[in-house]
């Protein structure tokens, strides 16, 4: 198989990659370019998480907790263990051909991106490829990797390495669009998505009493606890200051409440170096695709405000606040909004 590419075509591909405004658009464009190459029948991008938790001699965690398909992975199919994707990250090469035939051509190629500020990434290609095509993949991957590093530096928080507010806006729109196609009518029993604002209680005291260096350490450890407690298909963000956001996927209301309370207890029981114990208040709301993202944030913020005003170290669901206010009003007057 001979690939005849003009100089104009190559430069057009390079220009299209470098003009993308964010990581999401960049990856979509890269997949589109790969599908233009003769022999490529299928191209899919993946993000690989939690590899840093594996220790020598420790059993590998279930693979469904490690791999997420780009850009969203709401699959409930656990039959695909993604072993090939996980194993390529142990390969020093960035381009890994698989399944060669008698003519020296390959039916699968994996492109690997490691040592970026975000998760490890992999792109799986199916088709029929000779060595000339594989070399083309290698050159295009170099451009793509450089752009990924640039976007990571812009779209990820410098301290925690979590996606930042800019990344959150894009991701929330994608989740809302998903539920426009697959609406949820019963949040008590159907699995859907929830957005939560997490705010570290009395964080100003940490900075005032111990200094900003230890305050940064608290934020970093807090983000690591988030990555440890939530799942591969949940989305985590640092929103700003001591405030974080979680988009929790594939759970009903009881599951969302249990998950956030479990994380709240994990934080409360953790002994932070020098600082000691801290707590977190959490405001949660269901992601209703008919609502504007600003409305969803406002609802989560109101639930967070209720948690702060009523003792802190609480996880409050916005949809339950009417009942909470009514019950609290029997004993005292509480003004929530």
C-alpha atoms as a PDB file:
ATOM      1  CA  UNK A   1       0.000   0.000   0.000  1.00  0.00           C
ATOM      2  CA  UNK A   2       1.495   3.281  -1.108  1.00  0.00           C
ATOM      3  CA  UNK A   3       0.313   6.548   0.372  1.00  0.00           C
ATOM      4  CA  UNK A   4       0.623   9.533  -1.916  1.00  0.00           C
ATOM      5  CA  UNK A   5       0.293  12.687   0.110  1.00  0.00           C
ATOM      6  CA  UNK A   6       0.902  16.164  -1.204  1.00  0.00           C
ATOM      7  CA  UNK A   7       2.855  18.697   0.800  1.00  0.00           C
ATOM      8  CA  UNK A   8      -0.298  20.778   0.911  1.00  0.00           C
ATOM      9  CA  UNK A   9      -2.235  17.921   2.510  1.00  0.00           C
ATOM     10  CA  UNK A  10       0.372  17.354   5.209  1.00  0.00           C
ATOM     11  CA  UNK A  11       0.555  21.048   6.071  1.00  0.00           C
ATOM     12  CA  UNK A  12      -3.246  21.270   6.078  1.00  0.00           C
ATOM     13  CA  UNK A  13      -3.384  18.471   8.656  1.00  0.00           C
ATOM     14  CA  UNK A  14      -0.732  20.155  10.789  1.00  0.00           C
ATOM     15  CA  UNK A  15      -2.534  23.502  10.568  1.00  0.00           C
ATOM     16  CA  UNK A  16      -5.877  21.949  11.507  1.00  0.00           C
ATOM     17  CA  UNK A  17      -4.344  20.390  14.642  1.00  0.00           C
ATOM     18  CA  UNK A  18      -2.637  23.553  15.802  1.00  0.00           C
ATOM     19  CA  UNK A  19      -5.760  25.722  15.377  1.00  0.00           C
ATOM     20  CA  UNK A  20      -8.028  23.695  17.698  1.00  0.00           C
ATOM     21  CA  UNK A  21      -9.165  25.723  20.745  1.00  0.00           C
ATOM     22  CA  UNK A  22      -9.075  22.933  23.357  1.00  0.00           C
ATOM     23  CA  UNK A  23      -8.114  19.321  24.050  1.00  0.00           C
ATOM     24  CA  UNK A  24     -11.582  17.996  23.193  1.00  0.00           C
ATOM     25  CA  UNK A  25     -11.632  19.637  19.762  1.00  0.00           C
ATOM     26  CA  UNK A  26      -8.006  18.650  19.181  1.00  0.00           C
ATOM     27  CA  UNK A  27      -8.678  14.968  19.799  1.00  0.00           C
ATOM     28  CA  UNK A  28     -11.784  14.948  17.610  1.00  0.00           C
ATOM     29  CA  UNK A  29      -9.766  16.560  14.809  1.00  0.00           C
ATOM     30  CA  UNK A  30      -6.911  14.077  15.191  1.00  0.00           C
ATOM     31  CA  UNK A  31      -9.332  11.140  14.937  1.00  0.00           C
ATOM     32  CA  UNK A  32     -10.858  12.693  11.804  1.00  0.00           C
ATOM     33  CA  UNK A  33      -7.403  13.022  10.230  1.00  0.00           C
ATOM     34  CA  UNK A  34      -6.534   9.411  11.014  1.00  0.00           C
ATOM     35  CA  UNK A  35      -9.752   8.233   9.372  1.00  0.00           C
ATOM     36  CA  UNK A  36      -8.746  10.067   6.169  1.00  0.00           C
ATOM     37  CA  UNK A  37      -5.626   7.923   5.837  1.00  0.00           C
ATOM     38  CA  UNK A  38      -6.004   4.972   3.404  1.00  0.00           C
ATOM     39  CA  UNK A  39      -6.297   1.664   5.260  1.00  0.00           C
ATOM     40  CA  UNK A  40      -7.767   3.099   8.477  1.00  0.00           C
ATOM     41  CA  UNK A  41     -11.231   1.661   9.120  1.00  0.00           C
ATOM     42  CA  UNK A  42     -11.698   2.583  12.748  1.00  0.00           C
ATOM     43  CA  UNK A  43     -10.078   5.028  15.187  1.00  0.00           C
ATOM     44  CA  UNK A  44     -10.959   5.420  18.859  1.00  0.00           C
ATOM     45  CA  UNK A  45      -9.307   7.425  21.643  1.00  0.00           C
ATOM     46  CA  UNK A  46      -9.058   6.354  25.299  1.00  0.00           C
ATOM     47  CA  UNK A  47      -7.895   7.850  28.584  1.00  0.00           C
ATOM     48  CA  UNK A  48      -6.199   5.591  31.127  1.00  0.00           C
ATOM     49  CA  UNK A  49      -6.509   6.451  34.817  1.00  0.00           C
ATOM     50  CA  UNK A  50      -5.286   5.278  38.217  1.00  0.00           C
ATOM     51  CA  UNK A  51      -2.139   3.514  37.065  1.00  0.00           C
ATOM     52  CA  UNK A  52      -0.185   5.342  39.797  1.00  0.00           C
ATOM     53  CA  UNK A  53      -2.116   3.433  42.446  1.00  0.00           C
ATOM     54  CA  UNK A  54      -0.722   0.059  41.418  1.00  0.00           C
ATOM     55  CA  UNK A  55       2.145  -1.064  43.617  1.00  0.00           C
ATOM     56  CA  UNK A  56       4.715  -3.780  43.109  1.00  0.00           C
ATOM     57  CA  UNK A  57       3.224  -7.142  43.989  1.00  0.00           C
ATOM     58  CA  UNK A  58      -0.284  -5.696  44.166  1.00  0.00           C
ATOM     59  CA  UNK A  59      -3.094  -7.242  42.157  1.00  0.00           C
ATOM     60  CA  UNK A  60      -4.212  -5.198  39.161  1.00  0.00           C
ATOM     61  CA  UNK A  61      -7.394  -3.264  39.811  1.00  0.00           C
ATOM     62  CA  UNK A  62     -10.460  -4.222  37.700  1.00  0.00           C
ATOM     63  CA  UNK A  63      -9.833  -2.912  34.207  1.00  0.00           C
ATOM     64  CA  UNK A  64     -13.165  -1.129  34.013  1.00  0.00           C
ATOM     65  CA  UNK A  65     -11.763   1.234  36.607  1.00  0.00           C
ATOM     66  CA  UNK A  66      -8.775   2.144  34.459  1.00  0.00           C
ATOM     67  CA  UNK A  67      -9.950   2.891  30.922  1.00  0.00           C
ATOM     68  CA  UNK A  68     -12.399   5.508  29.680  1.00  0.00           C
ATOM     69  CA  UNK A  69     -13.309   5.989  26.066  1.00  0.00           C
ATOM     70  CA  UNK A  70     -13.081   9.554  24.765  1.00  0.00           C
ATOM     71  CA  UNK A  71     -15.035  11.811  25.115  1.00  0.00           C
ATOM     72  CA  UNK A  72     -17.762  10.136  27.243  1.00  0.00           C
ATOM     73  CA  UNK A  73     -18.020   6.590  28.503  1.00  0.00           C
ATOM     74  CA  UNK A  74     -21.456   5.795  29.887  1.00  0.00           C
ATOM     75  CA  UNK A  75     -21.265   2.151  28.907  1.00  0.00           C
ATOM     76  CA  UNK A  76     -22.540  -0.471  31.306  1.00  0.00           C
ATOM     77  CA  UNK A  77     -20.791  -3.272  29.420  1.00  0.00           C
ATOM     78  CA  UNK A  78     -18.026  -4.683  31.600  1.00  0.00           C
ATOM     79  CA  UNK A  79     -17.107  -7.499  29.204  1.00  0.00           C
ATOM     80  CA  UNK A  80     -14.292  -5.521  27.536  1.00  0.00           C
ATOM     81  CA  UNK A  81     -11.258  -5.617  29.816  1.00  0.00           C
ATOM     82  CA  UNK A  82      -9.082  -3.354  27.590  1.00  0.00           C
ATOM     83  CA  UNK A  83      -6.002  -5.442  28.408  1.00  0.00           C
ATOM     84  CA  UNK A  84      -4.268  -4.429  25.161  1.00  0.00           C
ATOM     85  CA  UNK A  85      -4.713  -0.742  25.957  1.00  0.00           C
ATOM     86  CA  UNK A  86      -3.328  -1.159  29.449  1.00  0.00           C
ATOM     87  CA  UNK A  87      -0.381  -3.261  28.330  1.00  0.00           C
ATOM     88  CA  UNK A  88       0.803  -0.825  25.652  1.00  0.00           C
ATOM     89  CA  UNK A  89       1.582   1.721  28.336  1.00  0.00           C
ATOM     90  CA  UNK A  90       4.356  -0.572  29.508  1.00  0.00           C
ATOM     91  CA  UNK A  91       5.871  -0.337  26.023  1.00  0.00           C
ATOM     92  CA  UNK A  92       8.497   2.359  25.507  1.00  0.00           C
ATOM     93  CA  UNK A  93       7.429   2.905  21.906  1.00  0.00           C
ATOM     94  CA  UNK A  94       4.778   5.500  21.078  1.00  0.00           C
ATOM     95  CA  UNK A  95       3.523   3.506  18.077  1.00  0.00           C
ATOM     96  CA  UNK A  96       2.829  -0.191  18.644  1.00  0.00           C
ATOM     97  CA  UNK A  97       1.767  -2.339  15.632  1.00  0.00           C
ATOM     98  CA  UNK A  98      -0.159  -5.578  16.270  1.00  0.00           C
ATOM     99  CA  UNK A  99      -1.392  -8.639  14.344  1.00  0.00           C
ATOM    100  CA  UNK A 100       0.911  -8.782  11.327  1.00  0.00           C
ATOM    101  CA  UNK A 101      -0.004 -10.871   8.272  1.00  0.00           C
ATOM    102  CA  UNK A 102       2.143 -12.839   5.830  1.00  0.00           C
ATOM    103  CA  UNK A 103       2.802  -9.688   3.800  1.00  0.00           C
ATOM    104  CA  UNK A 104       4.198  -7.772   6.765  1.00  0.00           C
ATOM    105  CA  UNK A 105       1.105  -5.604   7.140  1.00  0.00           C
ATOM    106  CA  UNK A 106      -0.627  -4.922  10.434  1.00  0.00           C
ATOM    107  CA  UNK A 107      -4.317  -5.015  11.319  1.00  0.00           C
ATOM    108  CA  UNK A 108      -4.057  -3.024  14.543  1.00  0.00           C
ATOM    109  CA  UNK A 109      -1.902  -0.114  15.666  1.00  0.00           C
ATOM    110  CA  UNK A 110      -1.894   1.595  19.061  1.00  0.00           C
ATOM    111  CA  UNK A 111      -0.670   5.151  19.547  1.00  0.00           C
ATOM    112  CA  UNK A 112       0.469   5.917  23.088  1.00  0.00           C
ATOM    113  CA  UNK A 113       0.763   9.237  24.902  1.00  0.00           C
ATOM    114  CA  UNK A 114       2.390   9.260  28.317  1.00  0.00           C
ATOM    115  CA  UNK A 115       4.081  11.776  30.598  1.00  0.00           C
ATOM    116  CA  UNK A 116       1.617  14.577  30.007  1.00  0.00           C
ATOM    117  CA  UNK A 117      -0.112  16.619  32.721  1.00  0.00           C
ATOM    118  CA  UNK A 118      -3.336  14.697  32.215  1.00  0.00           C
ATOM    119  CA  UNK A 119      -4.074  10.973  32.149  1.00  0.00           C
ATOM    120  CA  UNK A 120      -2.245   8.575  29.897  1.00  0.00           C
ATOM    121  CA  UNK A 121      -3.889   8.439  26.470  1.00  0.00           C
ATOM    122  CA  UNK A 122      -4.092   5.776  23.807  1.00  0.00           C
ATOM    123  CA  UNK A 123      -5.553   5.658  20.309  1.00  0.00           C
ATOM    124  CA  UNK A 124      -6.560   2.314  18.816  1.00  0.00           C
ATOM    125  CA  UNK A 125      -6.555   1.961  15.027  1.00  0.00           C
ATOM    126  CA  UNK A 126      -8.079  -0.943  13.085  1.00  0.00           C
ATOM    127  CA  UNK A 127      -7.503  -1.568   9.399  1.00  0.00           C
ATOM    128  CA  UNK A 128      -4.596  -2.685   7.254  1.00  0.00           C
ATOM    129  CA  UNK A 129      -1.295  -0.830   7.541  1.00  0.00           C
ATOM    130  CA  UNK A 130       2.162  -1.157   6.037  1.00  0.00           C
ATOM    131  CA  UNK A 131       5.333   0.319   7.541  1.00  0.00           C
ATOM    132  CA  UNK A 132       5.035   3.512   5.519  1.00  0.00           C
ATOM    133  CA  UNK A 133       1.608   4.130   7.053  1.00  0.00           C
ATOM    134  CA  UNK A 134       2.943   3.385  10.525  1.00  0.00           C
ATOM    135  CA  UNK A 135       5.699   5.950  10.030  1.00  0.00           C
ATOM    136  CA  UNK A 136       3.050   8.482   9.023  1.00  0.00           C
ATOM    137  CA  UNK A 137       1.189   7.701  12.266  1.00  0.00           C
ATOM    138  CA  UNK A 138       4.408   8.350  14.157  1.00  0.00           C
ATOM    139  CA  UNK A 139       4.912  11.788  12.618  1.00  0.00           C
ATOM    140  CA  UNK A 140       1.294  12.861  13.126  1.00  0.00           C
ATOM    141  CA  UNK A 141       1.373  11.600  16.712  1.00  0.00           C
ATOM    142  CA  UNK A 142       4.342  13.867  17.434  1.00  0.00           C
ATOM    143  CA  UNK A 143       2.325  16.927  16.389  1.00  0.00           C
ATOM    144  CA  UNK A 144      -0.720  15.727  18.321  1.00  0.00           C
ATOM    145  CA  UNK A 145       1.319  15.046  21.459  1.00  0.00           C
ATOM    146  CA  UNK A 146       2.865  18.516  21.426  1.00  0.00           C
ATOM    147  CA  UNK A 147      -0.607  20.052  21.188  1.00  0.00           C
ATOM    148  CA  UNK A 148      -1.955  17.842  23.982  1.00  0.00           C
ATOM    149  CA  UNK A 149       0.821  19.080  26.268  1.00  0.00           C
ATOM    150  CA  UNK A 150      -0.021  22.700  25.416  1.00  0.00           C
ATOM    151  CA  UNK A 151      -3.730  22.203  26.070  1.00  0.00           C
ATOM    152  CA  UNK A 152      -3.072  20.319  29.303  1.00  0.00           C
ATOM    153  CA  UNK A 153      -1.047  23.252  30.582  1.00  0.00           C
ATOM    154  CA  UNK A 154      -4.003  25.548  29.844  1.00  0.00           C
ATOM    155  CA  UNK A 155      -6.925  23.311  30.811  1.00  0.00           C
ATOM    156  CA  UNK A 156      -5.585  21.618  33.947  1.00  0.00           C
ATOM    157  CA  UNK A 157      -5.009  23.090  37.370  1.00  0.00           C
ATOM    158  CA  UNK A 158      -1.297  23.607  38.001  1.00  0.00           C
ATOM    159  CA  UNK A 159      -1.392  22.327  41.595  1.00  0.00           C
ATOM    160  CA  UNK A 160      -3.760  19.348  41.510  1.00  0.00           C
ATOM    161  CA  UNK A 161      -3.523  18.480  37.795  1.00  0.00           C
ATOM    162  CA  UNK A 162      -7.312  18.134  37.759  1.00  0.00           C
ATOM    163  CA  UNK A 163      -9.211  19.692  34.850  1.00  0.00           C
ATOM    164  CA  UNK A 164     -10.028  23.335  35.541  1.00  0.00           C
ATOM    165  CA  UNK A 165     -13.121  25.526  35.089  1.00  0.00           C
ATOM    166  CA  UNK A 166     -12.603  25.818  31.335  1.00  0.00           C
ATOM    167  CA  UNK A 167     -12.608  22.028  30.955  1.00  0.00           C
ATOM    168  CA  UNK A 168     -15.655  21.760  33.203  1.00  0.00           C
ATOM    169  CA  UNK A 169     -17.797  23.991  30.991  1.00  0.00           C
ATOM    170  CA  UNK A 170     -17.126  21.816  27.940  1.00  0.00           C
ATOM    171  CA  UNK A 171     -17.691  18.554  29.795  1.00  0.00           C
ATOM    172  CA  UNK A 172     -20.976  19.641  31.381  1.00  0.00           C
ATOM    173  CA  UNK A 173     -22.363  20.594  27.978  1.00  0.00           C
ATOM    174  CA  UNK A 174     -21.450  17.131  26.661  1.00  0.00           C
ATOM    175  CA  UNK A 175     -23.213  15.415  29.552  1.00  0.00           C
ATOM    176  CA  UNK A 176     -26.308  17.567  29.063  1.00  0.00           C
ATOM    177  CA  UNK A 177     -26.324  16.737  25.344  1.00  0.00           C
ATOM    178  CA  UNK A 178     -26.110  13.031  26.208  1.00  0.00           C
ATOM    179  CA  UNK A 179     -29.271  13.245  28.321  1.00  0.00           C
ATOM    180  CA  UNK A 180     -31.085  15.160  25.612  1.00  0.00           C
ATOM    181  CA  UNK A 181     -30.691  11.990  23.539  1.00  0.00           C
ATOM    182  CA  UNK A 182     -31.318   9.634  26.455  1.00  0.00           C
ATOM    183  CA  UNK A 183     -33.661  11.452  28.859  1.00  0.00           C
ATOM    184  CA  UNK A 184     -34.153  10.281  32.446  1.00  0.00           C
ATOM    185  CA  UNK A 185     -37.645  10.465  33.916  1.00  0.00           C
ATOM    186  CA  UNK A 186     -37.176   8.790  37.304  1.00  0.00           C
ATOM    187  CA  UNK A 187     -34.105   9.962  39.232  1.00  0.00           C
ATOM    188  CA  UNK A 188     -34.951   7.689  42.162  1.00  0.00           C
ATOM    189  CA  UNK A 189     -34.578   4.502  40.151  1.00  0.00           C
ATOM    190  CA  UNK A 190     -32.917   5.291  36.810  1.00  0.00           C
ATOM    191  CA  UNK A 191     -29.178   5.714  36.607  1.00  0.00           C
ATOM    192  CA  UNK A 192     -28.201   9.185  35.479  1.00  0.00           C
ATOM    193  CA  UNK A 193     -25.715  11.970  36.281  1.00  0.00           C
ATOM    194  CA  UNK A 194     -25.358  14.380  39.195  1.00  0.00           C
ATOM    195  CA  UNK A 195     -23.278  17.504  39.666  1.00  0.00           C
ATOM    196  CA  UNK A 196     -21.828  18.452  43.040  1.00  0.00           C
ATOM    197  CA  UNK A 197     -19.952  21.451  44.414  1.00  0.00           C
ATOM    198  CA  UNK A 198     -17.459  20.475  47.128  1.00  0.00           C
ATOM    199  CA  UNK A 199     -16.135  23.188  49.432  1.00  0.00           C
ATOM    200  CA  UNK A 200     -13.496  22.586  52.125  1.00  0.00           C
ATOM    201  CA  UNK A 201     -14.839  23.886  55.436  1.00  0.00           C
ATOM    202  CA  UNK A 202     -12.992  26.775  57.140  1.00  0.00           C
ATOM    203  CA  UNK A 203     -10.178  26.626  54.587  1.00  0.00           C
ATOM    204  CA  UNK A 204      -9.252  30.246  55.278  1.00  0.00           C
ATOM    205  CA  UNK A 205      -8.266  29.175  58.796  1.00  0.00           C
ATOM    206  CA  UNK A 206      -5.851  26.631  57.310  1.00  0.00           C
ATOM    207  CA  UNK A 207      -4.073  29.353  55.345  1.00  0.00           C
ATOM    208  CA  UNK A 208      -4.172  31.799  58.262  1.00  0.00           C
ATOM    209  CA  UNK A 209      -2.990  29.317  60.906  1.00  0.00           C
ATOM    210  CA  UNK A 210      -0.482  27.267  58.921  1.00  0.00           C
ATOM    211  CA  UNK A 211       0.379  29.313  55.817  1.00  0.00           C
ATOM    212  CA  UNK A 212      -0.419  28.952  52.139  1.00  0.00           C
ATOM    213  CA  UNK A 213       2.188  26.225  51.604  1.00  0.00           C
ATOM    214  CA  UNK A 214       0.289  23.884  53.899  1.00  0.00           C
ATOM    215  CA  UNK A 215      -2.964  25.117  52.394  1.00  0.00           C
ATOM    216  CA  UNK A 216      -1.719  23.993  48.984  1.00  0.00           C
ATOM    217  CA  UNK A 217      -0.771  20.623  50.468  1.00  0.00           C
ATOM    218  CA  UNK A 218      -4.339  20.215  51.760  1.00  0.00           C
ATOM    219  CA  UNK A 219      -5.724  21.006  48.302  1.00  0.00           C
ATOM    220  CA  UNK A 220      -3.373  18.524  46.656  1.00  0.00           C
ATOM    221  CA  UNK A 221      -4.167  15.697  49.084  1.00  0.00           C
ATOM    222  CA  UNK A 222      -7.882  16.498  48.841  1.00  0.00           C
ATOM    223  CA  UNK A 223      -7.706  16.117  45.038  1.00  0.00           C
ATOM    224  CA  UNK A 224      -5.864  12.803  45.451  1.00  0.00           C
ATOM    225  CA  UNK A 225      -8.604  11.545  47.766  1.00  0.00           C
ATOM    226  CA  UNK A 226     -11.125  12.504  45.092  1.00  0.00           C
ATOM    227  CA  UNK A 227      -9.262  10.498  42.461  1.00  0.00           C
ATOM    228  CA  UNK A 228      -9.095   7.538  44.815  1.00  0.00           C
ATOM    229  CA  UNK A 229     -12.765   7.584  45.864  1.00  0.00           C
ATOM    230  CA  UNK A 230     -14.584   8.303  42.620  1.00  0.00           C
ATOM    231  CA  UNK A 231     -14.809   6.034  39.582  1.00  0.00           C
ATOM    232  CA  UNK A 232     -13.214   6.057  36.165  1.00  0.00           C
ATOM    233  CA  UNK A 233     -16.373   7.379  34.489  1.00  0.00           C
ATOM    234  CA  UNK A 234     -16.904  10.269  36.918  1.00  0.00           C
ATOM    235  CA  UNK A 235     -15.478  13.697  36.057  1.00  0.00           C
ATOM    236  CA  UNK A 236     -13.452  15.659  38.603  1.00  0.00           C
ATOM    237  CA  UNK A 237     -12.499  19.342  38.467  1.00  0.00           C
ATOM    238  CA  UNK A 238     -10.877  22.034  40.556  1.00  0.00           C
ATOM    239  CA  UNK A 239     -13.303  24.912  40.266  1.00  0.00           C
ATOM    240  CA  UNK A 240     -11.170  27.500  42.033  1.00  0.00           C
ATOM    241  CA  UNK A 241      -9.727  28.146  45.483  1.00  0.00           C
ATOM    242  CA  UNK A 242     -10.955  25.473  47.897  1.00  0.00           C
ATOM    243  CA  UNK A 243     -13.921  24.554  45.683  1.00  0.00           C
ATOM    244  CA  UNK A 244     -14.091  21.423  43.547  1.00  0.00           C
ATOM    245  CA  UNK A 245     -16.720  19.919  41.231  1.00  0.00           C
ATOM    246  CA  UNK A 246     -17.688  16.315  40.569  1.00  0.00           C
ATOM    247  CA  UNK A 247     -19.944  15.075  37.779  1.00  0.00           C
ATOM    248  CA  UNK A 248     -21.090  11.699  39.084  1.00  0.00           C
ATOM    249  CA  UNK A 249     -22.396   9.344  36.412  1.00  0.00           C
ATOM    250  CA  UNK A 250     -24.478   6.175  36.197  1.00  0.00           C
ATOM    251  CA  UNK A 251     -26.221   6.277  39.569  1.00  0.00           C
ATOM    252  CA  UNK A 252     -29.645   7.006  41.044  1.00  0.00           C
ATOM    253  CA  UNK A 253     -30.409   9.462  43.849  1.00  0.00           C
ATOM    254  CA  UNK A 254     -29.704   7.016  46.673  1.00  0.00           C
ATOM    255  CA  UNK A 255     -26.418   6.033  45.039  1.00  0.00           C
ATOM    256  CA  UNK A 256     -25.381   9.659  44.590  1.00  0.00           C
ATOM    257  CA  UNK A 257     -26.142  10.473  48.224  1.00  0.00           C
ATOM    258  CA  UNK A 258     -24.251   7.395  49.425  1.00  0.00           C
ATOM    259  CA  UNK A 259     -21.242   8.116  47.203  1.00  0.00           C
ATOM    260  CA  UNK A 260     -20.835  11.730  48.302  1.00  0.00           C
ATOM    261  CA  UNK A 261     -21.370  10.902  51.969  1.00  0.00           C
ATOM    262  CA  UNK A 262     -18.747   8.181  51.688  1.00  0.00           C
ATOM    263  CA  UNK A 263     -16.281  10.696  50.251  1.00  0.00           C
ATOM    264  CA  UNK A 264     -17.208  13.253  52.929  1.00  0.00           C
ATOM    265  CA  UNK A 265     -16.452  10.681  55.634  1.00  0.00           C
ATOM    266  CA  UNK A 266     -13.175   9.747  53.929  1.00  0.00           C
ATOM    267  CA  UNK A 267     -12.057  13.372  54.107  1.00  0.00           C
ATOM    268  CA  UNK A 268     -13.200  13.784  57.722  1.00  0.00           C
ATOM    269  CA  UNK A 269     -11.276  10.676  58.780  1.00  0.00           C
ATOM    270  CA  UNK A 270      -8.069  11.552  56.929  1.00  0.00           C
ATOM    271  CA  UNK A 271      -5.181  12.986  58.930  1.00  0.00           C
ATOM    272  CA  UNK A 272      -3.704  15.794  56.829  1.00  0.00           C
ATOM    273  CA  UNK A 273       0.006  16.463  57.558  1.00  0.00           C
ATOM    274  CA  UNK A 274       0.510  19.282  60.107  1.00  0.00           C
ATOM    275  CA  UNK A 275      -3.047  20.555  59.603  1.00  0.00           C
ATOM    276  CA  UNK A 276      -4.764  17.476  61.046  1.00  0.00           C
ATOM    277  CA  UNK A 277      -8.461  16.935  60.313  1.00  0.00           C
ATOM    278  CA  UNK A 278     -10.614  18.931  57.889  1.00  0.00           C
ATOM    279  CA  UNK A 279     -14.157  18.502  56.621  1.00  0.00           C
ATOM    280  CA  UNK A 280     -15.999  19.207  53.390  1.00  0.00           C
ATOM    281  CA  UNK A 281     -19.515  20.415  52.627  1.00  0.00           C
ATOM    282  CA  UNK A 282     -21.192  19.203  49.430  1.00  0.00           C
ATOM    283  CA  UNK A 283     -24.135  20.526  47.404  1.00  0.00           C
ATOM    284  CA  UNK A 284     -25.608  18.129  44.834  1.00  0.00           C
ATOM    285  CA  UNK A 285     -28.215  18.329  42.098  1.00  0.00           C
ATOM    286  CA  UNK A 286     -29.453  16.077  39.326  1.00  0.00           C
ATOM    287  CA  UNK A 287     -28.285  16.990  35.820  1.00  0.00           C
ATOM    288  CA  UNK A 288     -31.487  17.873  34.037  1.00  0.00           C
ATOM    289  CA  UNK A 289     -30.696  18.306  30.355  1.00  0.00           C
ATOM    290  CA  UNK A 290     -33.563  20.786  30.048  1.00  0.00           C
ATOM    291  CA  UNK A 291     -31.775  23.191  32.418  1.00  0.00           C
ATOM    292  CA  UNK A 292     -29.037  25.594  31.468  1.00  0.00           C
ATOM    293  CA  UNK A 293     -25.607  24.734  32.953  1.00  0.00           C
ATOM    294  CA  UNK A 294     -25.753  27.974  34.960  1.00  0.00           C
ATOM    295  CA  UNK A 295     -29.036  26.818  36.496  1.00  0.00           C
ATOM    296  CA  UNK A 296     -27.518  23.475  37.467  1.00  0.00           C
ATOM    297  CA  UNK A 297     -24.598  25.236  39.121  1.00  0.00           C
ATOM    298  CA  UNK A 298     -26.959  27.570  40.926  1.00  0.00           C
ATOM    299  CA  UNK A 299     -28.937  24.621  42.311  1.00  0.00           C
ATOM    300  CA  UNK A 300     -25.788  22.853  43.491  1.00  0.00           C
ATOM    301  CA  UNK A 301     -24.589  26.106  45.044  1.00  0.00           C
ATOM    302  CA  UNK A 302     -27.873  26.552  46.941  1.00  0.00           C
ATOM    303  CA  UNK A 303     -27.607  23.000  48.280  1.00  0.00           C
ATOM    304  CA  UNK A 304     -24.009  23.730  49.294  1.00  0.00           C
ATOM    305  CA  UNK A 305     -25.146  26.905  51.042  1.00  0.00           C
ATOM    306  CA  UNK A 306     -27.706  24.907  52.982  1.00  0.00           C
ATOM    307  CA  UNK A 307     -24.997  22.428  54.046  1.00  0.00           C
ATOM    308  CA  UNK A 308     -22.745  25.291  55.182  1.00  0.00           C
ATOM    309  CA  UNK A 309     -25.513  27.052  57.094  1.00  0.00           C
ATOM    310  CA  UNK A 310     -26.610  23.889  58.861  1.00  0.00           C
ATOM    311  CA  UNK A 311     -23.502  22.545  60.509  1.00  0.00           C
ATOM    312  CA  UNK A 312     -21.080  21.956  57.607  1.00  0.00           C
ATOM    313  CA  UNK A 313     -19.571  18.525  56.934  1.00  0.00           C
ATOM    314  CA  UNK A 314     -22.793  17.584  55.156  1.00  0.00           C
ATOM    315  CA  UNK A 315     -23.841  16.374  51.707  1.00  0.00           C
ATOM    316  CA  UNK A 316     -27.148  17.936  50.645  1.00  0.00           C
ATOM    317  CA  UNK A 317     -29.172  17.141  47.520  1.00  0.00           C
ATOM    318  CA  UNK A 318     -30.957  20.174  46.087  1.00  0.00           C
ATOM    319  CA  UNK A 319     -34.024  18.114  45.190  1.00  0.00           C
ATOM    320  CA  UNK A 320     -34.416  17.280  48.915  1.00  0.00           C
ATOM    321  CA  UNK A 321     -34.011  20.820  50.266  1.00  0.00           C
ATOM    322  CA  UNK A 322     -37.756  21.550  50.408  1.00  0.00           C
ATOM    323  CA  UNK A 323     -38.196  18.617  52.761  1.00  0.00           C
ATOM    324  CA  UNK A 324     -35.136  19.601  54.781  1.00  0.00           C
ATOM    325  CA  UNK A 325     -36.340  23.191  55.171  1.00  0.00           C
ATOM    326  CA  UNK A 326     -39.811  22.033  56.168  1.00  0.00           C
ATOM    327  CA  UNK A 327     -38.452  19.665  58.794  1.00  0.00           C
ATOM    328  CA  UNK A 328     -36.002  22.250  60.104  1.00  0.00           C
ATOM    329  CA  UNK A 329     -38.725  24.899  60.215  1.00  0.00           C
ATOM    330  CA  UNK A 330     -40.606  22.921  62.831  1.00  0.00           C
ATOM    331  CA  UNK A 331     -37.855  23.809  65.269  1.00  0.00           C
ATOM    332  CA  UNK A 332     -36.388  27.060  64.012  1.00  0.00           C
ATOM    333  CA  UNK A 333     -36.561  29.538  61.175  1.00  0.00           C
ATOM    334  CA  UNK A 334     -33.889  28.902  58.541  1.00  0.00           C
ATOM    335  CA  UNK A 335     -33.492  31.192  55.577  1.00  0.00           C
ATOM    336  CA  UNK A 336     -31.820  29.263  52.782  1.00  0.00           C
ATOM    337  CA  UNK A 337     -31.909  31.631  49.800  1.00  0.00           C
END
